[in-house]
Amino acid sequence: MNTQLAFAFGMLAMVAITMLVVIVVGIVKVIRHDKEFKNIQGEVGHIHRHITDNERAIYSEISETRNRFDQHIDELKKELQAYTDSRIDKTLGTTGSKQLIKS
């Protein structure tokens, strides 16, 4: 009976040691994965900030380009209007001074 009891306690001890090793290895892996997750989360945050900054810069550049384009269009409109006015004046024969239309 003593031999059977010693055998049972030996097997229980082996099972307990095995479970303890599995638990410790599991905890170590969880801690390692938690650290990796935090590092990756920080990198994702950095990438997100970088993308946001680039997006802001792109929109700013687009806005500036559009403003310059609008100014250039306005200048062209003024030039075309002045050219058209000069052509009309030349056609009507009012090239010198402005003539008043009397009715």
N, C-alpha and C. Protein backbone atom coordinates (compact mmCIF):
# COMPACT_ATOMS: atom_id res chain seq x y z
N MET A 1 0.80 -1.18 0.00
CA MET A 1 0.00 0.00 0.00
C MET A 1 0.86 1.26 0.00
N ASN A 2 1.98 1.19 0.75
CA ASN A 2 2.89 2.32 0.78
C ASN A 2 3.47 2.63 -0.60
N THR A 3 3.75 1.61 -1.34
CA THR A 3 4.32 1.79 -2.67
C THR A 3 3.31 2.45 -3.60
N GLN A 4 2.06 2.02 -3.49
CA GLN A 4 1.03 2.61 -4.35
C GLN A 4 0.79 4.07 -3.99
N LEU A 5 0.79 4.39 -2.70
CA LEU A 5 0.60 5.76 -2.24
C LEU A 5 1.77 6.64 -2.68
N ALA A 6 2.98 6.13 -2.57
CA ALA A 6 4.16 6.88 -3.00
C ALA A 6 4.12 7.11 -4.51
N PHE A 7 3.68 6.10 -5.26
CA PHE A 7 3.56 6.24 -6.70
C PHE A 7 2.52 7.32 -7.06
N ALA A 8 1.39 7.30 -6.37
CA ALA A 8 0.33 8.29 -6.62
C ALA A 8 0.82 9.70 -6.30
N PHE A 9 1.50 9.85 -5.18
CA PHE A 9 2.03 11.17 -4.83
C PHE A 9 3.11 11.61 -5.82
N GLY A 10 3.91 10.69 -6.30
CA GLY A 10 4.93 11.01 -7.31
C GLY A 10 4.30 11.47 -8.61
N MET A 11 3.26 10.78 -9.03
CA MET A 11 2.55 11.17 -10.26
C MET A 11 1.88 12.54 -10.09
N LEU A 12 1.25 12.76 -8.93
CA LEU A 12 0.62 14.06 -8.66
C LEU A 12 1.67 15.18 -8.66
N ALA A 13 2.83 14.89 -8.08
CA ALA A 13 3.90 15.88 -8.07
C ALA A 13 4.36 16.20 -9.48
N MET A 14 4.48 15.17 -10.33
CA MET A 14 4.89 15.39 -11.72
C MET A 14 3.84 16.21 -12.47
N VAL A 15 2.57 15.90 -12.25
CA VAL A 15 1.48 16.65 -12.89
C VAL A 15 1.50 18.10 -12.40
N ALA A 16 1.70 18.29 -11.10
CA ALA A 16 1.73 19.65 -10.54
C ALA A 16 2.91 20.44 -11.11
N ILE A 17 4.08 19.80 -11.19
CA ILE A 17 5.26 20.47 -11.75
C ILE A 17 5.03 20.82 -13.21
N THR A 18 4.43 19.88 -13.97
CA THR A 18 4.15 20.13 -15.38
C THR A 18 3.17 21.29 -15.53
N MET A 19 2.13 21.31 -14.72
CA MET A 19 1.15 22.41 -14.78
C MET A 19 1.80 23.74 -14.40
N LEU A 20 2.67 23.71 -13.40
CA LEU A 20 3.36 24.92 -12.98
C LEU A 20 4.25 25.45 -14.10
N VAL A 21 4.97 24.56 -14.78
CA VAL A 21 5.82 24.96 -15.90
C VAL A 21 4.97 25.55 -17.02
N VAL A 22 3.85 24.90 -17.34
CA VAL A 22 2.97 25.40 -18.40
C VAL A 22 2.42 26.77 -18.03
N ILE A 23 2.03 26.95 -16.78
CA ILE A 23 1.51 28.25 -16.34
C ILE A 23 2.58 29.32 -16.43
N VAL A 24 3.79 29.04 -15.98
CA VAL A 24 4.88 30.02 -16.03
C VAL A 24 5.21 30.38 -17.48
N VAL A 25 5.30 29.37 -18.36
CA VAL A 25 5.59 29.64 -19.77
C VAL A 25 4.46 30.48 -20.38
N GLY A 26 3.21 30.18 -20.03
CA GLY A 26 2.08 30.96 -20.53
C GLY A 26 2.14 32.40 -20.07
N ILE A 27 2.45 32.62 -18.81
CA ILE A 27 2.56 33.99 -18.28
C ILE A 27 3.68 34.75 -18.97
N VAL A 28 4.82 34.09 -19.18
CA VAL A 28 5.95 34.73 -19.86
C VAL A 28 5.55 35.13 -21.28
N LYS A 29 4.84 34.24 -21.98
CA LYS A 29 4.41 34.55 -23.35
C LYS A 29 3.41 35.70 -23.36
N VAL A 30 2.50 35.71 -22.41
CA VAL A 30 1.51 36.80 -22.33
C VAL A 30 2.22 38.12 -22.09
N ILE A 31 3.17 38.15 -21.19
CA ILE A 31 3.91 39.38 -20.91
C ILE A 31 4.69 39.84 -22.15
N ARG A 32 5.32 38.91 -22.85
CA ARG A 32 6.08 39.24 -24.06
C ARG A 32 5.15 39.80 -25.14
N HIS A 33 4.00 39.15 -25.32
CA HIS A 33 3.06 39.62 -26.32
C HIS A 33 2.47 40.98 -25.94
N ASP A 34 2.29 41.20 -24.65
CA ASP A 34 1.78 42.50 -24.20
C ASP A 34 2.78 43.61 -24.52
N LYS A 35 4.06 43.35 -24.30
CA LYS A 35 5.10 44.33 -24.63
C LYS A 35 5.14 44.59 -26.14
N GLU A 36 5.06 43.51 -26.93
CA GLU A 36 5.05 43.67 -28.39
C GLU A 36 3.83 44.46 -28.84
N PHE A 37 2.69 44.19 -28.23
CA PHE A 37 1.46 44.90 -28.58
C PHE A 37 1.58 46.38 -28.27
N LYS A 38 2.15 46.71 -27.12
CA LYS A 38 2.33 48.12 -26.75
C LYS A 38 3.29 48.81 -27.72
N ASN A 39 4.37 48.13 -28.11
CA ASN A 39 5.30 48.70 -29.08
C ASN A 39 4.62 48.93 -30.43
N ILE A 40 3.86 47.93 -30.88
CA ILE A 40 3.17 48.07 -32.16
C ILE A 40 2.12 49.17 -32.08
N GLN A 41 1.44 49.26 -30.96
CA GLN A 41 0.43 50.30 -30.78
C GLN A 41 1.09 51.69 -30.83
N GLY A 42 2.25 51.82 -30.24
CA GLY A 42 2.98 53.10 -30.31
C GLY A 42 3.39 53.43 -31.73
N GLU A 43 3.86 52.41 -32.46
CA GLU A 43 4.25 52.62 -33.85
C GLU A 43 3.05 53.01 -34.71
N VAL A 44 1.91 52.37 -34.46
CA VAL A 44 0.69 52.71 -35.20
C VAL A 44 0.28 54.15 -34.90
N GLY A 45 0.39 54.55 -33.66
CA GLY A 45 0.08 55.94 -33.30
C GLY A 45 1.01 56.91 -34.00
N HIS A 46 2.29 56.57 -34.06
CA HIS A 46 3.27 57.42 -34.76
C HIS A 46 2.94 57.50 -36.25
N ILE A 47 2.62 56.35 -36.84
CA ILE A 47 2.27 56.34 -38.27
C ILE A 47 1.02 57.15 -38.51
N HIS A 48 0.04 57.04 -37.62
CA HIS A 48 -1.21 57.80 -37.77
C HIS A 48 -0.94 59.30 -37.71
N ARG A 49 -0.09 59.73 -36.78
CA ARG A 49 0.26 61.16 -36.68
C ARG A 49 0.99 61.61 -37.94
N HIS A 50 1.88 60.76 -38.44
CA HIS A 50 2.63 61.09 -39.65
C HIS A 50 1.69 61.24 -40.84
N ILE A 51 0.74 60.32 -40.96
CA ILE A 51 -0.23 60.39 -42.06
C ILE A 51 -1.08 61.65 -41.92
N THR A 52 -1.50 61.97 -40.71
CA THR A 52 -2.32 63.16 -40.48
C THR A 52 -1.53 64.42 -40.84
N ASP A 53 -0.27 64.49 -40.46
CA ASP A 53 0.56 65.64 -40.80
C ASP A 53 0.74 65.77 -42.31
N ASN A 54 0.97 64.64 -42.97
CA ASN A 54 1.13 64.67 -44.43
C ASN A 54 -0.17 65.08 -45.10
N GLU A 55 -1.28 64.59 -44.60
CA GLU A 55 -2.58 64.94 -45.17
C GLU A 55 -2.84 66.43 -45.01
N ARG A 56 -2.52 66.97 -43.84
CA ARG A 56 -2.69 68.40 -43.59
C ARG A 56 -1.80 69.21 -44.54
N ALA A 57 -0.57 68.76 -44.74
CA ALA A 57 0.35 69.48 -45.64
C ALA A 57 -0.15 69.42 -47.08
N ILE A 58 -0.68 68.28 -47.49
CA ILE A 58 -1.18 68.13 -48.86
C ILE A 58 -2.38 69.06 -49.07
N TYR A 59 -3.32 69.07 -48.11
CA TYR A 59 -4.48 69.94 -48.25
C TYR A 59 -4.08 71.41 -48.25
N SER A 60 -3.09 71.74 -47.46
CA SER A 60 -2.60 73.12 -47.45
C SER A 60 -1.99 73.49 -48.80
N GLU A 61 -1.20 72.58 -49.35
CA GLU A 61 -0.58 72.82 -50.67
C GLU A 61 -1.65 72.94 -51.75
N ILE A 62 -2.67 72.09 -51.68
CA ILE A 62 -3.75 72.17 -52.65
C ILE A 62 -4.47 73.50 -52.54
N SER A 63 -4.72 73.95 -51.32
CA SER A 63 -5.40 75.22 -51.11
C SER A 63 -4.57 76.39 -51.65
N GLU A 64 -3.28 76.38 -51.38
CA GLU A 64 -2.41 77.44 -51.88
C GLU A 64 -2.37 77.43 -53.41
N THR A 65 -2.28 76.26 -54.00
CA THR A 65 -2.24 76.14 -55.45
C THR A 65 -3.55 76.64 -56.06
N ARG A 66 -4.65 76.29 -55.42
CA ARG A 66 -5.95 76.75 -55.93
C ARG A 66 -6.06 78.27 -55.82
N ASN A 67 -5.59 78.84 -54.73
CA ASN A 67 -5.64 80.31 -54.58
C ASN A 67 -4.79 80.98 -55.66
N ARG A 68 -3.60 80.44 -55.92
CA ARG A 68 -2.76 81.02 -56.98
C ARG A 68 -3.43 80.87 -58.34
N PHE A 69 -4.06 79.71 -58.57
CA PHE A 69 -4.76 79.48 -59.83
C PHE A 69 -5.91 80.47 -59.98
N ASP A 70 -6.69 80.66 -58.90
CA ASP A 70 -7.80 81.63 -58.95
C ASP A 70 -7.30 83.04 -59.22
N GLN A 71 -6.19 83.42 -58.60
CA GLN A 71 -5.61 84.76 -58.84
C GLN A 71 -5.18 84.88 -60.29
N HIS A 72 -4.56 83.85 -60.82
CA HIS A 72 -4.11 83.88 -62.21
C HIS A 72 -5.31 83.99 -63.15
N ILE A 73 -6.37 83.26 -62.87
CA ILE A 73 -7.60 83.33 -63.68
C ILE A 73 -8.18 84.74 -63.62
N ASP A 74 -8.20 85.35 -62.43
CA ASP A 74 -8.71 86.72 -62.30
C ASP A 74 -7.88 87.70 -63.12
N GLU A 75 -6.55 87.53 -63.07
CA GLU A 75 -5.67 88.40 -63.87
C GLU A 75 -5.95 88.22 -65.36
N LEU A 76 -6.11 86.97 -65.78
CA LEU A 76 -6.42 86.71 -67.20
C LEU A 76 -7.76 87.32 -67.59
N LYS A 77 -8.75 87.24 -66.71
CA LYS A 77 -10.05 87.84 -66.99
C LYS A 77 -9.91 89.35 -67.19
N LYS A 78 -9.14 90.00 -66.32
CA LYS A 78 -8.93 91.45 -66.43
C LYS A 78 -8.22 91.78 -67.74
N GLU A 79 -7.18 90.99 -68.06
CA GLU A 79 -6.47 91.23 -69.32
C GLU A 79 -7.38 91.04 -70.53
N LEU A 80 -8.17 89.98 -70.52
CA LEU A 80 -9.08 89.71 -71.63
C LEU A 80 -10.16 90.79 -71.74
N GLN A 81 -10.65 91.25 -70.60
CA GLN A 81 -11.65 92.31 -70.61
C GLN A 81 -11.05 93.60 -71.16
N ALA A 82 -9.83 93.92 -70.73
CA ALA A 82 -9.17 95.12 -71.24
C ALA A 82 -8.91 94.99 -72.74
N TYR A 83 -8.49 93.83 -73.18
CA TYR A 83 -8.24 93.61 -74.61
C TYR A 83 -9.54 93.73 -75.40
N THR A 84 -10.60 93.10 -74.88
CA THR A 84 -11.90 93.18 -75.57
C THR A 84 -12.40 94.61 -75.61
N ASP A 85 -12.27 95.35 -74.53
CA ASP A 85 -12.68 96.76 -74.51
C ASP A 85 -11.89 97.58 -75.52
N SER A 86 -10.58 97.30 -75.62
CA SER A 86 -9.78 98.07 -76.57
C SER A 86 -10.18 97.73 -78.00
N ARG A 87 -10.52 96.47 -78.28
CA ARG A 87 -10.97 96.06 -79.62
C ARG A 87 -12.32 96.71 -79.96
N ILE A 88 -13.21 96.73 -78.99
CA ILE A 88 -14.52 97.36 -79.22
C ILE A 88 -14.34 98.85 -79.44
N ASP A 89 -13.51 99.47 -78.61
CA ASP A 89 -13.25 100.91 -78.77
C ASP A 89 -12.64 101.19 -80.15
N LYS A 90 -11.73 100.37 -80.57
CA LYS A 90 -11.10 100.56 -81.86
C LYS A 90 -12.13 100.39 -82.99
N THR A 91 -13.00 99.40 -82.86
CA THR A 91 -14.03 99.16 -83.86
C THR A 91 -15.01 100.32 -83.92
N LEU A 92 -15.37 100.87 -82.78
CA LEU A 92 -16.31 101.99 -82.74
C LEU A 92 -15.63 103.32 -83.03
N GLY A 93 -14.34 103.32 -83.06
CA GLY A 93 -13.58 104.54 -83.36
C GLY A 93 -13.43 105.46 -82.17
N THR A 94 -13.42 104.92 -80.99
CA THR A 94 -13.28 105.75 -79.78
C THR A 94 -11.96 105.46 -79.09
N THR A 95 -10.88 105.39 -79.87
CA THR A 95 -9.60 104.97 -79.30
C THR A 95 -8.93 106.05 -78.46
N GLY A 96 -9.12 107.29 -78.75
CA GLY A 96 -8.44 108.35 -77.99
C GLY A 96 -9.03 108.50 -76.62
N SER A 97 -9.78 109.53 -76.47
CA SER A 97 -10.42 109.75 -75.16
C SER A 97 -11.81 109.14 -75.20
N LYS A 98 -12.32 108.92 -74.08
CA LYS A 98 -13.66 108.36 -73.98
C LYS A 98 -14.67 109.40 -74.44
N GLN A 99 -15.58 108.98 -75.28
CA GLN A 99 -16.59 109.90 -75.77
C GLN A 99 -17.87 109.67 -75.03
N LEU A 100 -18.55 110.72 -74.77
CA LEU A 100 -19.83 110.62 -74.10
C LEU A 100 -20.91 110.42 -75.16
N ILE A 101 -21.78 109.52 -74.91
CA ILE A 101 -22.88 109.28 -75.83
C ILE A 101 -24.00 110.25 -75.48
N LYS A 102 -24.37 111.10 -76.48
CA LYS A 102 -25.44 112.07 -76.23
C LYS A 102 -26.71 111.51 -76.83
N SER A 103 -27.76 111.65 -76.10
CA SER A 103 -29.01 111.18 -76.66
C SER A 103 -29.94 112.31 -76.99
